[in-house]
Amino acid sequence: MTAYDATVVRDGKWWMVSIPSLDGLTQARRLTEAKEMAREYIAASQSVPLETVTVDLHFAPIGGIEDVTTRIAKITEARRRAAELEKTASRDATELARSLTAADIPMRDIGAMLGVSHQRAHQLISPR
């Protein structure tokens, strides 16, 4: 795998995608196409298989916002951490719900304790 950095900048209705290490430039109509367009450009210009090329997109300032790439990275990391915390909370809630069920606590009360409906509490204790 070969990794390349590409910088995107909005130009009218297009996203211009520059690959500085190759002095290359391509364009995409939609931002969702930018990474693939860069990969295709790199693969074609370097005569390498497309599947061996990875691209990290960086954003040029947009509308006076200088740190778009950094802010996106922070948001992505925060979402990753939130998903990890959600997974831990769900696992802990399942464990507690099962323990409370074993202690003969009613399902409605387990739901109230965990801040979920009694139906959700029942789902937590059910085998998957």
C-alpha atoms as a PDB file:
ATOM      1  CA  MET A   1       0.000   0.000   0.000  1.00  0.00           C
ATOM      2  CA  THR A   2       1.209   3.439  -0.871  1.00  0.00           C
ATOM      3  CA  ALA A   3      -0.297   6.424   0.929  1.00  0.00           C
ATOM      4  CA  TYR A   4      -0.595   9.857  -0.605  1.00  0.00           C
ATOM      5  CA  ASP A   5      -1.825  13.162   0.755  1.00  0.00           C
ATOM      6  CA  ALA A   6      -4.268  15.159  -1.333  1.00  0.00           C
ATOM      7  CA  THR A   7      -5.630  18.638  -0.740  1.00  0.00           C
ATOM      8  CA  VAL A   8      -9.141  19.601  -1.774  1.00  0.00           C
ATOM      9  CA  VAL A   9     -10.388  23.086  -2.441  1.00  0.00           C
ATOM     10  CA  ARG A  10     -13.792  24.236  -3.665  1.00  0.00           C
ATOM     11  CA  ASP A  11     -13.685  25.940  -7.060  1.00  0.00           C
ATOM     12  CA  GLY A  12     -17.111  26.967  -8.273  1.00  0.00           C
ATOM     13  CA  LYS A  13     -19.199  23.807  -8.593  1.00  0.00           C
ATOM     14  CA  TRP A  14     -16.153  21.525  -8.438  1.00  0.00           C
ATOM     15  CA  TRP A  15     -13.735  20.211  -5.854  1.00  0.00           C
ATOM     16  CA  MET A  16     -10.183  20.513  -7.106  1.00  0.00           C
ATOM     17  CA  VAL A  17      -8.001  17.718  -5.774  1.00  0.00           C
ATOM     18  CA  SER A  18      -4.262  18.284  -5.788  1.00  0.00           C
ATOM     19  CA  ILE A  19      -1.692  15.599  -5.086  1.00  0.00           C
ATOM     20  CA  PRO A  20       1.388  17.640  -4.172  1.00  0.00           C
ATOM     21  CA  SER A  21       3.894  14.768  -4.132  1.00  0.00           C
ATOM     22  CA  LEU A  22       3.089  14.086  -7.807  1.00  0.00           C
ATOM     23  CA  ASP A  23       2.352  17.665  -8.801  1.00  0.00           C
ATOM     24  CA  GLY A  24      -0.993  16.246  -9.899  1.00  0.00           C
ATOM     25  CA  LEU A  25      -4.445  17.769 -10.126  1.00  0.00           C
ATOM     26  CA  THR A  26      -7.853  16.229 -10.724  1.00  0.00           C
ATOM     27  CA  GLN A  27     -11.396  17.297  -9.969  1.00  0.00           C
ATOM     28  CA  ALA A  28     -14.621  15.924  -8.575  1.00  0.00           C
ATOM     29  CA  ARG A  29     -18.169  17.168  -8.779  1.00  0.00           C
ATOM     30  CA  ARG A  30     -18.981  15.877  -5.289  1.00  0.00           C
ATOM     31  CA  LEU A  31     -16.711  15.714  -2.282  1.00  0.00           C
ATOM     32  CA  THR A  32     -17.629  12.042  -1.860  1.00  0.00           C
ATOM     33  CA  GLU A  33     -15.897  11.406  -5.195  1.00  0.00           C
ATOM     34  CA  ALA A  34     -12.687  13.310  -4.389  1.00  0.00           C
ATOM     35  CA  LYS A  35     -10.765  10.491  -2.715  1.00  0.00           C
ATOM     36  CA  GLU A  36     -11.597   8.025  -5.489  1.00  0.00           C
ATOM     37  CA  MET A  37     -10.660  10.526  -8.188  1.00  0.00           C
ATOM     38  CA  ALA A  38      -7.308  11.087  -6.466  1.00  0.00           C
ATOM     39  CA  ARG A  39      -6.734   7.324  -6.175  1.00  0.00           C
ATOM     40  CA  GLU A  40      -7.527   6.833  -9.864  1.00  0.00           C
ATOM     41  CA  TYR A  41      -5.231   9.697 -10.864  1.00  0.00           C
ATOM     42  CA  ILE A  42      -2.385   8.287  -8.773  1.00  0.00           C
ATOM     43  CA  ALA A  43      -2.857   4.728 -10.033  1.00  0.00           C
ATOM     44  CA  ALA A  44      -2.925   5.870 -13.664  1.00  0.00           C
ATOM     45  CA  SER A  45      -0.004   8.298 -13.415  1.00  0.00           C
ATOM     46  CA  GLN A  46       2.184   5.886 -11.444  1.00  0.00           C
ATOM     47  CA  SER A  47       1.123   2.721 -13.305  1.00  0.00           C
ATOM     48  CA  VAL A  48       0.197   0.902 -10.112  1.00  0.00           C
ATOM     49  CA  PRO A  49      -2.928  -1.103  -9.248  1.00  0.00           C
ATOM     50  CA  LEU A  50      -5.737   1.034  -7.822  1.00  0.00           C
ATOM     51  CA  GLU A  51      -6.116  -1.237  -4.793  1.00  0.00           C
ATOM     52  CA  THR A  52      -2.554  -0.404  -3.707  1.00  0.00           C
ATOM     53  CA  VAL A  53      -3.241   3.332  -3.426  1.00  0.00           C
ATOM     54  CA  THR A  54      -4.613   5.068  -0.335  1.00  0.00           C
ATOM     55  CA  VAL A  55      -5.312   8.778  -0.056  1.00  0.00           C
ATOM     56  CA  ASP A  56      -5.627  11.048   2.966  1.00  0.00           C
ATOM     57  CA  LEU A  57      -7.685  14.124   2.140  1.00  0.00           C
ATOM     58  CA  HIS A  58      -6.820  17.501   3.621  1.00  0.00           C
ATOM     59  CA  PHE A  59      -8.911  20.609   3.191  1.00  0.00           C
ATOM     60  CA  ALA A  60      -7.687  23.990   2.104  1.00  0.00           C
ATOM     61  CA  PRO A  61      -9.358  26.835   4.026  1.00  0.00           C
ATOM     62  CA  ILE A  62     -13.085  27.000   3.291  1.00  0.00           C
ATOM     63  CA  GLY A  63     -15.022  30.217   3.755  1.00  0.00           C
ATOM     64  CA  GLY A  64     -12.360  31.659   6.030  1.00  0.00           C
ATOM     65  CA  ILE A  65     -12.200  28.500   8.160  1.00  0.00           C
ATOM     66  CA  GLU A  66      -8.522  27.602   8.368  1.00  0.00           C
ATOM     67  CA  ASP A  67      -8.547  24.389  10.388  1.00  0.00           C
ATOM     68  CA  VAL A  68     -11.183  22.255   8.637  1.00  0.00           C
ATOM     69  CA  THR A  69      -9.015  19.111   8.472  1.00  0.00           C
ATOM     70  CA  THR A  70      -8.059  19.340  12.147  1.00  0.00           C
ATOM     71  CA  ARG A  71     -11.645  19.930  13.219  1.00  0.00           C
ATOM     72  CA  ILE A  72     -12.870  16.963  11.162  1.00  0.00           C
ATOM     73  CA  ALA A  73     -10.216  14.758  12.781  1.00  0.00           C
ATOM     74  CA  LYS A  74     -11.326  15.894  16.262  1.00  0.00           C
ATOM     75  CA  ILE A  75     -14.981  15.192  15.448  1.00  0.00           C
ATOM     76  CA  THR A  76     -14.132  11.762  14.046  1.00  0.00           C
ATOM     77  CA  GLU A  77     -12.129  10.895  17.165  1.00  0.00           C
ATOM     78  CA  ALA A  78     -14.917  12.139  19.441  1.00  0.00           C
ATOM     79  CA  ARG A  79     -17.416   9.959  17.579  1.00  0.00           C
ATOM     80  CA  ARG A  80     -15.102   6.964  17.877  1.00  0.00           C
ATOM     81  CA  ARG A  81     -14.764   7.525  21.633  1.00  0.00           C
ATOM     82  CA  ALA A  82     -18.532   8.007  21.980  1.00  0.00           C
ATOM     83  CA  ALA A  83     -19.190   4.716  20.177  1.00  0.00           C
ATOM     84  CA  GLU A  84     -16.699   2.980  22.466  1.00  0.00           C
ATOM     85  CA  LEU A  85     -18.387   4.467  25.546  1.00  0.00           C
ATOM     86  CA  GLU A  86     -21.823   3.489  24.219  1.00  0.00           C
ATOM     87  CA  LYS A  87     -20.629  -0.087  23.729  1.00  0.00           C
ATOM     88  CA  THR A  88     -19.279  -0.184  27.303  1.00  0.00           C
ATOM     89  CA  ALA A  89     -22.477   1.335  28.722  1.00  0.00           C
ATOM     90  CA  SER A  90     -24.610  -1.168  26.830  1.00  0.00           C
ATOM     91  CA  ARG A  91     -22.520  -4.091  28.055  1.00  0.00           C
ATOM     92  CA  ASP A  92     -22.670  -2.792  31.648  1.00  0.00           C
ATOM     93  CA  ALA A  93     -26.441  -2.212  31.413  1.00  0.00           C
ATOM     94  CA  THR A  94     -26.953  -5.763  30.138  1.00  0.00           C
ATOM     95  CA  GLU A  95     -24.883  -7.195  32.962  1.00  0.00           C
ATOM     96  CA  LEU A  96     -26.726  -5.167  35.598  1.00  0.00           C
ATOM     97  CA  ALA A  97     -30.163  -5.951  34.125  1.00  0.00           C
ATOM     98  CA  ARG A  98     -29.386  -9.666  34.225  1.00  0.00           C
ATOM     99  CA  SER A  99     -28.153  -9.418  37.810  1.00  0.00           C
ATOM    100  CA  LEU A 100     -31.269  -7.488  38.865  1.00  0.00           C
ATOM    101  CA  THR A 101     -33.485 -10.037  37.123  1.00  0.00           C
ATOM    102  CA  ALA A 102     -31.747 -12.806  39.045  1.00  0.00           C
ATOM    103  CA  ALA A 103     -32.526 -10.853  42.219  1.00  0.00           C
ATOM    104  CA  ASP A 104     -36.249 -10.913  41.263  1.00  0.00           C
ATOM    105  CA  ILE A 105     -36.512  -7.201  40.529  1.00  0.00           C
ATOM    106  CA  PRO A 106     -39.527  -6.497  38.257  1.00  0.00           C
ATOM    107  CA  MET A 107     -38.746  -5.604  34.624  1.00  0.00           C
ATOM    108  CA  ARG A 108     -40.488  -2.212  34.923  1.00  0.00           C
ATOM    109  CA  ASP A 109     -38.271  -1.338  37.887  1.00  0.00           C
ATOM    110  CA  ILE A 110     -35.135  -2.475  36.058  1.00  0.00           C
ATOM    111  CA  GLY A 111     -36.124  -0.226  33.178  1.00  0.00           C
ATOM    112  CA  ALA A 112     -36.677   2.680  35.583  1.00  0.00           C
ATOM    113  CA  MET A 113     -33.279   2.103  37.206  1.00  0.00           C
ATOM    114  CA  LEU A 114     -31.495   2.038  33.838  1.00  0.00           C
ATOM    115  CA  GLY A 115     -33.485   4.914  32.331  1.00  0.00           C
ATOM    116  CA  VAL A 116     -34.971   2.724  29.584  1.00  0.00           C
ATOM    117  CA  SER A 117     -38.393   1.284  28.862  1.00  0.00           C
ATOM    118  CA  HIS A 118     -39.337  -2.046  30.396  1.00  0.00           C
ATOM    119  CA  GLN A 119     -39.342  -3.435  26.841  1.00  0.00           C
ATOM    120  CA  ARG A 120     -35.720  -2.358  26.391  1.00  0.00           C
ATOM    121  CA  ALA A 121     -34.840  -3.828  29.786  1.00  0.00           C
ATOM    122  CA  HIS A 122     -36.341  -7.116  28.627  1.00  0.00           C
ATOM    123  CA  GLN A 123     -34.244  -6.968  25.442  1.00  0.00           C
ATOM    124  CA  LEU A 124     -31.135  -6.454  27.552  1.00  0.00           C
ATOM    125  CA  ILE A 125     -31.674  -9.649  29.512  1.00  0.00           C
ATOM    126  CA  SER A 126     -32.713 -11.761  26.526  1.00  0.00           C
ATOM    127  CA  PRO A 127     -30.045 -14.024  25.007  1.00  0.00           C
ATOM    128  CA  ARG A 128     -28.854 -12.798  21.635  1.00  0.00           C
END
